[in-house]
Amino acid sequence: MKKKTLTVGLVQMATVSDKSHNVEKAVHGIRDAAARGAQIICLQELFASPYFCQVEDADLFDLAEPIPGPTTRAIADVAKASGVVVITPVFEKRAPGVYHNSSVVLGTAGEQLGVYRKMHIPDDPLFYEKFYFTPGDLGFMSVETPFANVGPLICWDQWYPEAARLTALRGAEVLFYPTAIGWHPAEKAEFGDSQLAAWQTMQKAHAIANGVFVAAVNRVGHEGPADGGLQFWGHSFVCDPFGVVLAEAGQGDEVLVVECDMNRQEQVRRGWPFLRDRRIDAYGGLTSRLLDRDPR
């Protein structure tokens, strides 16, 4: 089997209220990753601003931009200059009153290869995303790049096996999950370790079940009131199709660069042929919210 490798870069960073500062920081991270050999680089969810969904405030819709817009153009310029693909999460203004949490896949010439709109939108304490984001309407996708087929997903999507499966069935070789997840500080001592472990376990399970690489990039730092808010836990990582973590970041600013042996997909799928053995004739119930009817 001819050796095929892919080098992935993840830019994990803390943000400030100055949007231009965050974008420039991301640009530096992209350049750093590219200089170290990264071919496909992913930024964290809503990287251009602090995580504003902790409150419901209509003025914060002003943070949104069209696609293309100033942020995507800035990232497109560095993608072209560095000859890399960049998965670029943005707060998308589609039309007045219609906004999405989106990712733009930008190619090595700065061109737009694809746009994904977050499908699963949470509504939990300090994660009031339903106030801001219209659910995605472009479906799950695989985007062809010069280096690999990528499956762009976003944060809350990472808890849904259906999203990972459908993206893998489209031909994605790597699932990318730009993320904004962290602890409520008052809960960290009791639940912190188990929450982080669950987050990692779920994504490693997607890798194993689908025979794909998974790359998750999270933000870091405390955002919000000093006596509350959210503490983003970082721990961005890349795992192979067997769920083996190839590299993992800590809880500070970090640019993670990871070489992936793409032959692992073929090797793992030969040994664990889950896609071959799927009973596609028996899965109709997945389109129901719950299966309340007695199957007898």
C-alpha atoms as a PDB file:
ATOM      1  CA  MET A   1       0.000   0.000   0.000  1.00  0.00           C
ATOM      2  CA  LYS A   2       1.514   3.317  -1.083  1.00  0.00           C
ATOM      3  CA  LYS A   3       2.217   5.573   1.869  1.00  0.00           C
ATOM      4  CA  LYS A   4      -0.092   8.566   2.102  1.00  0.00           C
ATOM      5  CA  THR A   5       0.185  11.154   4.838  1.00  0.00           C
ATOM      6  CA  LEU A   6      -1.792  14.243   5.805  1.00  0.00           C
ATOM      7  CA  THR A   7      -0.587  16.880   8.226  1.00  0.00           C
ATOM      8  CA  VAL A   8      -3.322  18.612  10.199  1.00  0.00           C
ATOM      9  CA  GLY A   9      -2.998  21.885  12.111  1.00  0.00           C
ATOM     10  CA  LEU A  10      -5.287  23.042  14.931  1.00  0.00           C
ATOM     11  CA  VAL A  11      -5.146  26.616  16.236  1.00  0.00           C
ATOM     12  CA  GLN A  12      -6.294  26.689  19.860  1.00  0.00           C
ATOM     13  CA  MET A  13      -6.458  30.170  21.370  1.00  0.00           C
ATOM     14  CA  ALA A  14      -8.018  32.528  23.878  1.00  0.00           C
ATOM     15  CA  THR A  15      -9.973  35.480  22.491  1.00  0.00           C
ATOM     16  CA  VAL A  16     -10.515  39.132  23.429  1.00  0.00           C
ATOM     17  CA  SER A  17     -13.246  41.611  22.576  1.00  0.00           C
ATOM     18  CA  ASP A  18     -11.200  43.118  19.713  1.00  0.00           C
ATOM     19  CA  LYS A  19     -12.231  41.203  16.590  1.00  0.00           C
ATOM     20  CA  SER A  20      -9.265  42.359  14.512  1.00  0.00           C
ATOM     21  CA  HIS A  21      -6.881  41.151  17.220  1.00  0.00           C
ATOM     22  CA  ASN A  22      -8.479  37.683  17.213  1.00  0.00           C
ATOM     23  CA  VAL A  23      -8.325  37.429  13.442  1.00  0.00           C
ATOM     24  CA  GLU A  24      -4.670  38.482  13.389  1.00  0.00           C
ATOM     25  CA  LYS A  25      -3.888  35.973  16.139  1.00  0.00           C
ATOM     26  CA  ALA A  26      -5.517  33.246  14.059  1.00  0.00           C
ATOM     27  CA  VAL A  27      -3.528  34.349  11.009  1.00  0.00           C
ATOM     28  CA  HIS A  28      -0.304  33.994  13.008  1.00  0.00           C
ATOM     29  CA  GLY A  29      -1.435  30.532  14.111  1.00  0.00           C
ATOM     30  CA  ILE A  30      -2.114  29.500  10.516  1.00  0.00           C
ATOM     31  CA  ARG A  31       1.302  30.713   9.426  1.00  0.00           C
ATOM     32  CA  ASP A  32       2.932  28.835  12.299  1.00  0.00           C
ATOM     33  CA  ALA A  33       1.088  25.603  11.457  1.00  0.00           C
ATOM     34  CA  ALA A  34       1.874  25.947   7.742  1.00  0.00           C
ATOM     35  CA  ALA A  35       5.570  26.555   8.457  1.00  0.00           C
ATOM     36  CA  ARG A  36       5.580  23.295  10.433  1.00  0.00           C
ATOM     37  CA  GLY A  37       4.110  21.366   7.543  1.00  0.00           C
ATOM     38  CA  ALA A  38       0.359  21.523   8.122  1.00  0.00           C
ATOM     39  CA  GLN A  39      -1.719  21.109   4.969  1.00  0.00           C
ATOM     40  CA  ILE A  40      -5.239  21.435   6.395  1.00  0.00           C
ATOM     41  CA  ILE A  41      -5.679  23.828   9.309  1.00  0.00           C
ATOM     42  CA  CYS A  42      -8.777  24.277  11.440  1.00  0.00           C
ATOM     43  CA  LEU A  43      -9.702  27.251  13.634  1.00  0.00           C
ATOM     44  CA  GLN A  44     -11.981  27.045  16.656  1.00  0.00           C
ATOM     45  CA  GLU A  45     -15.707  27.779  16.629  1.00  0.00           C
ATOM     46  CA  LEU A  46     -16.557  31.517  16.384  1.00  0.00           C
ATOM     47  CA  PHE A  47     -12.833  32.288  16.658  1.00  0.00           C
ATOM     48  CA  ALA A  48     -13.158  35.971  15.737  1.00  0.00           C
ATOM     49  CA  SER A  49     -14.937  36.940  18.966  1.00  0.00           C
ATOM     50  CA  PRO A  50     -15.473  35.825  22.536  1.00  0.00           C
ATOM     51  CA  TYR A  51     -18.228  33.237  22.924  1.00  0.00           C
ATOM     52  CA  PHE A  52     -21.115  35.709  22.960  1.00  0.00           C
ATOM     53  CA  CYS A  53     -23.892  33.112  23.355  1.00  0.00           C
ATOM     54  CA  GLN A  54     -23.614  33.294  27.146  1.00  0.00           C
ATOM     55  CA  VAL A  55     -26.262  36.049  26.981  1.00  0.00           C
ATOM     56  CA  GLU A  56     -29.238  36.878  24.761  1.00  0.00           C
ATOM     57  CA  ASP A  57     -28.527  40.337  23.367  1.00  0.00           C
ATOM     58  CA  ALA A  58     -29.833  41.453  19.970  1.00  0.00           C
ATOM     59  CA  ASP A  59     -26.977  43.955  19.610  1.00  0.00           C
ATOM     60  CA  LEU A  60     -24.581  41.025  19.291  1.00  0.00           C
ATOM     61  CA  PHE A  61     -26.005  40.192  15.876  1.00  0.00           C
ATOM     62  CA  ASP A  62     -23.740  43.028  14.731  1.00  0.00           C
ATOM     63  CA  LEU A  63     -20.823  40.583  15.064  1.00  0.00           C
ATOM     64  CA  ALA A  64     -22.126  38.580  12.098  1.00  0.00           C
ATOM     65  CA  GLU A  65     -20.708  38.872   8.576  1.00  0.00           C
ATOM     66  CA  PRO A  66     -21.758  37.693   5.135  1.00  0.00           C
ATOM     67  CA  ILE A  67     -19.818  34.999   3.291  1.00  0.00           C
ATOM     68  CA  PRO A  68     -17.533  36.171   1.805  1.00  0.00           C
ATOM     69  CA  GLY A  69     -16.813  38.942   4.280  1.00  0.00           C
ATOM     70  CA  PRO A  70     -13.880  40.651   6.001  1.00  0.00           C
ATOM     71  CA  THR A  71     -12.947  37.677   8.174  1.00  0.00           C
ATOM     72  CA  THR A  72     -13.116  35.050   5.449  1.00  0.00           C
ATOM     73  CA  ARG A  73     -11.166  37.316   3.094  1.00  0.00           C
ATOM     74  CA  ALA A  74      -8.411  37.767   5.685  1.00  0.00           C
ATOM     75  CA  ILE A  75      -8.146  34.007   6.199  1.00  0.00           C
ATOM     76  CA  ALA A  76      -8.353  33.366   2.447  1.00  0.00           C
ATOM     77  CA  ASP A  77      -5.347  35.636   1.944  1.00  0.00           C
ATOM     78  CA  VAL A  78      -3.190  33.690   4.383  1.00  0.00           C
ATOM     79  CA  ALA A  79      -4.450  30.354   3.021  1.00  0.00           C
ATOM     80  CA  LYS A  80      -3.343  31.414  -0.456  1.00  0.00           C
ATOM     81  CA  ALA A  81      -0.020  32.821   0.725  1.00  0.00           C
ATOM     82  CA  SER A  82       0.748  29.653   2.676  1.00  0.00           C
ATOM     83  CA  GLY A  83      -0.683  27.146   0.191  1.00  0.00           C
ATOM     84  CA  VAL A  84      -2.933  25.508   2.777  1.00  0.00           C
ATOM     85  CA  VAL A  85      -6.590  24.655   3.288  1.00  0.00           C
ATOM     86  CA  VAL A  86      -8.217  26.437   6.230  1.00  0.00           C
ATOM     87  CA  ILE A  87     -11.510  25.479   7.871  1.00  0.00           C
ATOM     88  CA  THR A  88     -12.803  28.867   8.969  1.00  0.00           C
ATOM     89  CA  PRO A  89     -15.730  29.116  11.409  1.00  0.00           C
ATOM     90  CA  VAL A  90     -17.778  32.327  11.149  1.00  0.00           C
ATOM     91  CA  PHE A  91     -20.940  33.913  12.514  1.00  0.00           C
ATOM     92  CA  GLU A  92     -22.720  34.147   9.179  1.00  0.00           C
ATOM     93  CA  LYS A  93     -25.224  36.862   8.284  1.00  0.00           C
ATOM     94  CA  ARG A  94     -27.261  35.256   5.537  1.00  0.00           C
ATOM     95  CA  ALA A  95     -30.028  37.870   5.437  1.00  0.00           C
ATOM     96  CA  PRO A  96     -31.593  40.361   7.848  1.00  0.00           C
ATOM     97  CA  GLY A  97     -32.826  38.243  10.753  1.00  0.00           C
ATOM     98  CA  VAL A  98     -31.294  35.000   9.434  1.00  0.00           C
ATOM     99  CA  TYR A  99     -27.942  34.045  10.919  1.00  0.00           C
ATOM    100  CA  HIS A 100     -25.953  30.802  11.014  1.00  0.00           C
ATOM    101  CA  ASN A 101     -23.034  29.303  12.895  1.00  0.00           C
ATOM    102  CA  SER A 102     -20.999  28.274   9.863  1.00  0.00           C
ATOM    103  CA  SER A 103     -17.657  26.975   8.638  1.00  0.00           C
ATOM    104  CA  VAL A 104     -16.113  27.950   5.320  1.00  0.00           C
ATOM    105  CA  VAL A 105     -13.565  25.592   3.778  1.00  0.00           C
ATOM    106  CA  LEU A 106     -11.007  27.796   2.011  1.00  0.00           C
ATOM    107  CA  GLY A 107      -8.637  26.301  -0.545  1.00  0.00           C
ATOM    108  CA  THR A 108      -4.970  26.778  -1.320  1.00  0.00           C
ATOM    109  CA  ALA A 109      -5.758  29.614  -3.736  1.00  0.00           C
ATOM    110  CA  GLY A 110      -8.014  31.301  -1.190  1.00  0.00           C
ATOM    111  CA  GLU A 111     -11.083  30.004  -2.995  1.00  0.00           C
ATOM    112  CA  GLN A 112     -14.266  28.849  -1.291  1.00  0.00           C
ATOM    113  CA  LEU A 113     -14.485  25.054  -1.497  1.00  0.00           C
ATOM    114  CA  GLY A 114     -17.548  24.624   0.677  1.00  0.00           C
ATOM    115  CA  VAL A 115     -19.782  26.070   3.386  1.00  0.00           C
ATOM    116  CA  TYR A 116     -21.242  24.076   6.257  1.00  0.00           C
ATOM    117  CA  ARG A 117     -23.948  25.437   8.558  1.00  0.00           C
ATOM    118  CA  LYS A 118     -24.183  23.963  12.048  1.00  0.00           C
ATOM    119  CA  MET A 119     -27.077  21.538  12.164  1.00  0.00           C
ATOM    120  CA  HIS A 120     -27.534  20.923  15.898  1.00  0.00           C
ATOM    121  CA  ILE A 121     -28.138  24.104  17.896  1.00  0.00           C
ATOM    122  CA  PRO A 122     -27.999  23.923  21.713  1.00  0.00           C
ATOM    123  CA  ASP A 123     -29.971  25.909  24.246  1.00  0.00           C
ATOM    124  CA  ASP A 124     -28.456  25.417  27.688  1.00  0.00           C
ATOM    125  CA  PRO A 125     -27.353  27.738  30.504  1.00  0.00           C
ATOM    126  CA  LEU A 126     -24.659  30.050  29.033  1.00  0.00           C
ATOM    127  CA  PHE A 127     -25.000  28.320  25.645  1.00  0.00           C
ATOM    128  CA  TYR A 128     -28.036  30.199  24.319  1.00  0.00           C
ATOM    129  CA  GLU A 129     -27.361  29.474  20.668  1.00  0.00           C
ATOM    130  CA  LYS A 130     -30.967  29.098  19.558  1.00  0.00           C
ATOM    131  CA  PHE A 131     -31.379  32.851  20.101  1.00  0.00           C
ATOM    132  CA  TYR A 132     -28.701  33.562  17.485  1.00  0.00           C
ATOM    133  CA  PHE A 133     -28.464  30.713  14.995  1.00  0.00           C
ATOM    134  CA  THR A 134     -30.854  29.305  12.438  1.00  0.00           C
ATOM    135  CA  PRO A 135     -30.300  25.531  12.099  1.00  0.00           C
ATOM    136  CA  GLY A 136     -28.223  24.553   9.092  1.00  0.00           C
ATOM    137  CA  ASP A 137     -30.019  23.728   5.845  1.00  0.00           C
ATOM    138  CA  LEU A 138     -27.128  22.483   3.701  1.00  0.00           C
ATOM    139  CA  GLY A 139     -26.972  19.030   5.235  1.00  0.00           C
ATOM    140  CA  PHE A 140     -23.900  16.986   6.061  1.00  0.00           C
ATOM    141  CA  MET A 141     -21.106  17.053   3.544  1.00  0.00           C
ATOM    142  CA  SER A 142     -17.660  15.978   2.477  1.00  0.00           C
ATOM    143  CA  VAL A 143     -15.522  18.668   0.880  1.00  0.00           C
ATOM    144  CA  GLU A 144     -12.796  17.623  -1.527  1.00  0.00           C
ATOM    145  CA  THR A 145      -9.446  19.368  -1.020  1.00  0.00           C
ATOM    146  CA  PRO A 146      -6.048  18.747  -2.643  1.00  0.00           C
ATOM    147  CA  PHE A 147      -4.954  16.836   0.454  1.00  0.00           C
ATOM    148  CA  ALA A 148      -7.975  14.885   1.742  1.00  0.00           C
ATOM    149  CA  ASN A 149     -11.761  14.892   1.840  1.00  0.00           C
ATOM    150  CA  VAL A 150     -12.837  16.805   4.926  1.00  0.00           C
ATOM    151  CA  GLY A 151     -16.087  16.656   6.852  1.00  0.00           C
ATOM    152  CA  PRO A 152     -16.801  20.041   8.439  1.00  0.00           C
ATOM    153  CA  LEU A 153     -18.998  19.828  11.547  1.00  0.00           C
ATOM    154  CA  ILE A 154     -19.317  22.220  14.496  1.00  0.00           C
ATOM    155  CA  CYS A 155     -19.280  21.723  18.286  1.00  0.00           C
ATOM    156  CA  TRP A 156     -22.739  20.471  19.389  1.00  0.00           C
ATOM    157  CA  ASP A 157     -22.765  18.292  16.254  1.00  0.00           C
ATOM    158  CA  GLN A 158     -20.005  16.265  17.897  1.00  0.00           C
ATOM    159  CA  TRP A 159     -22.475  14.579  20.263  1.00  0.00           C
ATOM    160  CA  TYR A 160     -24.581  13.079  17.459  1.00  0.00           C
ATOM    161  CA  PRO A 161     -23.528   9.782  15.879  1.00  0.00           C
ATOM    162  CA  GLU A 162     -25.926  10.436  13.003  1.00  0.00           C
ATOM    163  CA  ALA A 163     -23.965  13.548  11.988  1.00  0.00           C
ATOM    164  CA  ALA A 164     -20.635  11.717  12.023  1.00  0.00           C
ATOM    165  CA  ARG A 165     -22.076   8.735  10.136  1.00  0.00           C
ATOM    166  CA  LEU A 166     -23.729  10.748   7.382  1.00  0.00           C
ATOM    167  CA  THR A 167     -20.612  12.862   6.929  1.00  0.00           C
ATOM    168  CA  ALA A 168     -18.434   9.756   6.698  1.00  0.00           C
ATOM    169  CA  LEU A 169     -20.865   8.177   4.223  1.00  0.00           C
ATOM    170  CA  ARG A 170     -20.383  11.247   2.023  1.00  0.00           C
ATOM    171  CA  GLY A 171     -16.718  10.281   1.763  1.00  0.00           C
ATOM    172  CA  ALA A 172     -15.050  12.391   4.459  1.00  0.00           C
ATOM    173  CA  GLU A 173     -11.697  11.032   5.583  1.00  0.00           C
ATOM    174  CA  VAL A 174     -11.299  13.493   8.467  1.00  0.00           C
ATOM    175  CA  LEU A 175     -14.101  14.908  10.604  1.00  0.00           C
ATOM    176  CA  PHE A 176     -13.262  18.409  11.839  1.00  0.00           C
ATOM    177  CA  TYR A 177     -15.059  19.740  14.907  1.00  0.00           C
ATOM    178  CA  PRO A 178     -14.300  23.404  15.664  1.00  0.00           C
ATOM    179  CA  THR A 179     -15.566  23.811  19.209  1.00  0.00           C
ATOM    180  CA  ALA A 180     -16.382  26.151  22.087  1.00  0.00           C
ATOM    181  CA  ILE A 181     -16.876  23.966  25.135  1.00  0.00           C
ATOM    182  CA  GLY A 182     -15.947  24.460  28.740  1.00  0.00           C
ATOM    183  CA  TRP A 183     -16.873  24.192  32.364  1.00  0.00           C
ATOM    184  CA  HIS A 184     -19.226  26.244  34.447  1.00  0.00           C
ATOM    185  CA  PRO A 185     -16.513  27.130  37.001  1.00  0.00           C
ATOM    186  CA  ALA A 186     -18.696  26.230  39.986  1.00  0.00           C
ATOM    187  CA  GLU A 187     -19.151  22.713  38.578  1.00  0.00           C
ATOM    188  CA  LYS A 188     -15.565  22.007  37.573  1.00  0.00           C
ATOM    189  CA  ALA A 189     -14.419  20.410  40.828  1.00  0.00           C
ATOM    190  CA  GLU A 190     -17.284  17.911  40.852  1.00  0.00           C
ATOM    191  CA  PHE A 191     -17.919  17.260  37.182  1.00  0.00           C
ATOM    192  CA  GLY A 192     -14.908  18.625  35.299  1.00  0.00           C
ATOM    193  CA  ASP A 193     -12.950  15.433  34.722  1.00  0.00           C
ATOM    194  CA  SER A 194     -15.982  13.405  33.698  1.00  0.00           C
ATOM    195  CA  GLN A 195     -17.274  16.111  31.325  1.00  0.00           C
ATOM    196  CA  LEU A 196     -13.924  16.363  29.556  1.00  0.00           C
ATOM    197  CA  ALA A 197     -13.629  12.577  29.357  1.00  0.00           C
ATOM    198  CA  ALA A 198     -17.137  12.282  27.885  1.00  0.00           C
ATOM    199  CA  TRP A 199     -16.308  14.900  25.237  1.00  0.00           C
ATOM    200  CA  GLN A 200     -13.179  13.045  24.190  1.00  0.00           C
ATOM    201  CA  THR A 201     -14.784   9.606  24.344  1.00  0.00           C
ATOM    202  CA  MET A 202     -17.687  10.622  22.129  1.00  0.00           C
ATOM    203  CA  GLN A 203     -15.434  11.881  19.374  1.00  0.00           C
ATOM    204  CA  LYS A 204     -13.079   8.920  19.567  1.00  0.00           C
ATOM    205  CA  ALA A 205     -16.161   6.727  19.191  1.00  0.00           C
ATOM    206  CA  HIS A 206     -17.077   8.555  15.969  1.00  0.00           C
ATOM    207  CA  ALA A 207     -13.593   7.799  14.657  1.00  0.00           C
ATOM    208  CA  ILE A 208     -13.882   4.097  15.474  1.00  0.00           C
ATOM    209  CA  ALA A 209     -17.475   3.617  14.323  1.00  0.00           C
ATOM    210  CA  ASN A 210     -16.809   5.266  10.970  1.00  0.00           C
ATOM    211  CA  GLY A 211     -13.163   4.432  10.341  1.00  0.00           C
ATOM    212  CA  VAL A 212     -12.133   8.087   9.998  1.00  0.00           C
ATOM    213  CA  PHE A 213      -9.731  10.544  11.579  1.00  0.00           C
ATOM    214  CA  VAL A 214     -11.247  13.100  13.949  1.00  0.00           C
ATOM    215  CA  ALA A 215      -9.797  16.530  14.705  1.00  0.00           C
ATOM    216  CA  ALA A 216     -11.372  18.691  17.409  1.00  0.00           C
ATOM    217  CA  VAL A 217     -10.143  22.223  18.144  1.00  0.00           C
ATOM    218  CA  ASN A 218     -11.437  24.037  21.224  1.00  0.00           C
ATOM    219  CA  ARG A 219     -10.914  27.507  22.629  1.00  0.00           C
ATOM    220  CA  VAL A 220      -9.233  28.261  25.968  1.00  0.00           C
ATOM    221  CA  GLY A 221      -9.468  30.811  28.752  1.00  0.00           C
ATOM    222  CA  HIS A 222     -12.172  32.187  31.011  1.00  0.00           C
ATOM    223  CA  GLU A 223     -14.903  34.281  29.392  1.00  0.00           C
ATOM    224  CA  GLY A 224     -17.693  36.092  31.187  1.00  0.00           C
ATOM    225  CA  PRO A 225     -18.047  37.415  34.742  1.00  0.00           C
ATOM    226  CA  ALA A 226     -15.218  36.597  37.127  1.00  0.00           C
ATOM    227  CA  ASP A 227     -17.665  34.875  39.477  1.00  0.00           C
ATOM    228  CA  GLY A 228     -19.337  32.871  36.695  1.00  0.00           C
ATOM    229  CA  GLY A 229     -19.038  32.642  32.932  1.00  0.00           C
ATOM    230  CA  LEU A 230     -17.318  29.736  31.243  1.00  0.00           C
ATOM    231  CA  GLN A 231     -13.835  28.291  31.479  1.00  0.00           C
ATOM    232  CA  PHE A 232     -13.015  26.765  28.102  1.00  0.00           C
ATOM    233  CA  TRP A 233     -10.951  23.660  28.598  1.00  0.00           C
ATOM    234  CA  GLY A 234      -8.879  23.433  25.412  1.00  0.00           C
ATOM    235  CA  HIS A 235      -7.513  19.880  25.015  1.00  0.00           C
ATOM    236  CA  SER A 236      -7.779  20.034  21.224  1.00  0.00           C
ATOM    237  CA  PHE A 237      -6.786  16.670  19.766  1.00  0.00           C
ATOM    238  CA  VAL A 238      -6.496  14.457  16.718  1.00  0.00           C
ATOM    239  CA  CYS A 239      -7.277  10.745  16.787  1.00  0.00           C
ATOM    240  CA  ASP A 240      -6.930   8.037  14.168  1.00  0.00           C
ATOM    241  CA  PRO A 241      -9.639   5.660  12.846  1.00  0.00           C
ATOM    242  CA  PHE A 242      -8.951   3.281  15.753  1.00  0.00           C
ATOM    243  CA  GLY A 243      -9.602   6.054  18.276  1.00  0.00           C
ATOM    244  CA  VAL A 244      -5.927   6.412  19.188  1.00  0.00           C
ATOM    245  CA  VAL A 245      -5.127   9.994  20.199  1.00  0.00           C
ATOM    246  CA  LEU A 246      -2.152  11.070  18.094  1.00  0.00           C
ATOM    247  CA  ALA A 247      -1.649  14.415  19.823  1.00  0.00           C
ATOM    248  CA  GLU A 248      -3.481  16.548  22.383  1.00  0.00           C
ATOM    249  CA  ALA A 249      -3.084  20.171  23.432  1.00  0.00           C
ATOM    250  CA  GLY A 250      -3.190  21.527  26.951  1.00  0.00           C
ATOM    251  CA  GLN A 251      -5.304  24.359  28.378  1.00  0.00           C
ATOM    252  CA  GLY A 252      -3.404  27.327  26.926  1.00  0.00           C
ATOM    253  CA  ASP A 253      -2.792  28.891  23.537  1.00  0.00           C
ATOM    254  CA  GLU A 254      -1.292  26.213  21.301  1.00  0.00           C
ATOM    255  CA  VAL A 255      -0.857  25.371  17.643  1.00  0.00           C
ATOM    256  CA  LEU A 256      -1.059  21.599  17.294  1.00  0.00           C
ATOM    257  CA  VAL A 257       0.465  20.029  14.162  1.00  0.00           C
ATOM    258  CA  VAL A 258      -0.162  16.327  13.657  1.00  0.00           C
ATOM    259  CA  GLU A 259       0.922  13.949  10.881  1.00  0.00           C
ATOM    260  CA  CYS A 260      -1.732  11.379   9.999  1.00  0.00           C
ATOM    261  CA  ASP A 261      -1.028   8.098   8.196  1.00  0.00           C
ATOM    262  CA  MET A 262      -4.014   8.020   5.872  1.00  0.00           C
ATOM    263  CA  ASN A 263      -3.479   4.306   5.141  1.00  0.00           C
ATOM    264  CA  ARG A 264      -4.885   3.681   8.628  1.00  0.00           C
ATOM    265  CA  GLN A 265      -8.391   4.180   7.286  1.00  0.00           C
ATOM    266  CA  GLU A 266      -8.055   1.262   4.879  1.00  0.00           C
ATOM    267  CA  GLN A 267      -6.336  -0.897   7.492  1.00  0.00           C
ATOM    268  CA  VAL A 268      -8.933  -0.259  10.182  1.00  0.00           C
ATOM    269  CA  ARG A 269     -11.934  -0.630   7.899  1.00  0.00           C
ATOM    270  CA  ARG A 270     -10.618  -3.967   6.628  1.00  0.00           C
ATOM    271  CA  GLY A 271     -10.376  -5.265  10.174  1.00  0.00           C
ATOM    272  CA  TRP A 272     -13.569  -3.676  11.485  1.00  0.00           C
ATOM    273  CA  PRO A 273     -15.894  -3.451   8.455  1.00  0.00           C
ATOM    274  CA  PHE A 274     -18.733  -1.642  10.180  1.00  0.00           C
ATOM    275  CA  LEU A 275     -19.857   0.100   6.999  1.00  0.00           C
ATOM    276  CA  ARG A 276     -20.072  -3.255   5.195  1.00  0.00           C
ATOM    277  CA  ASP A 277     -22.215  -4.843   7.906  1.00  0.00           C
ATOM    278  CA  ARG A 278     -24.694  -2.044   8.425  1.00  0.00           C
ATOM    279  CA  ARG A 279     -28.331  -3.174   8.236  1.00  0.00           C
ATOM    280  CA  ILE A 280     -29.569  -0.263   6.162  1.00  0.00           C
ATOM    281  CA  ASP A 281     -32.916  -2.041   5.714  1.00  0.00           C
ATOM    282  CA  ALA A 282     -33.585  -1.845   9.479  1.00  0.00           C
ATOM    283  CA  TYR A 283     -32.802   1.766  10.349  1.00  0.00           C
ATOM    284  CA  GLY A 284     -36.021   3.527   9.379  1.00  0.00           C
ATOM    285  CA  GLY A 285     -36.730   4.296  13.005  1.00  0.00           C
ATOM    286  CA  LEU A 286     -33.882   6.776  13.087  1.00  0.00           C
ATOM    287  CA  THR A 287     -36.188   9.333  11.488  1.00  0.00           C
ATOM    288  CA  SER A 288     -38.522   9.174  14.515  1.00  0.00           C
ATOM    289  CA  ARG A 289     -38.022  11.206  17.687  1.00  0.00           C
ATOM    290  CA  LEU A 290     -38.832   8.174  19.848  1.00  0.00           C
ATOM    291  CA  LEU A 291     -40.109   4.693  19.089  1.00  0.00           C
ATOM    292  CA  ASP A 292     -43.188   4.594  21.293  1.00  0.00           C
ATOM    293  CA  ARG A 293     -45.142   1.932  19.456  1.00  0.00           C
ATOM    294  CA  ASP A 294     -44.957  -1.642  20.727  1.00  0.00           C
ATOM    295  CA  PRO A 295     -42.757  -3.442  18.157  1.00  0.00           C
ATOM    296  CA  ARG A 296     -44.835  -6.605  18.569  1.00  0.00           C
END
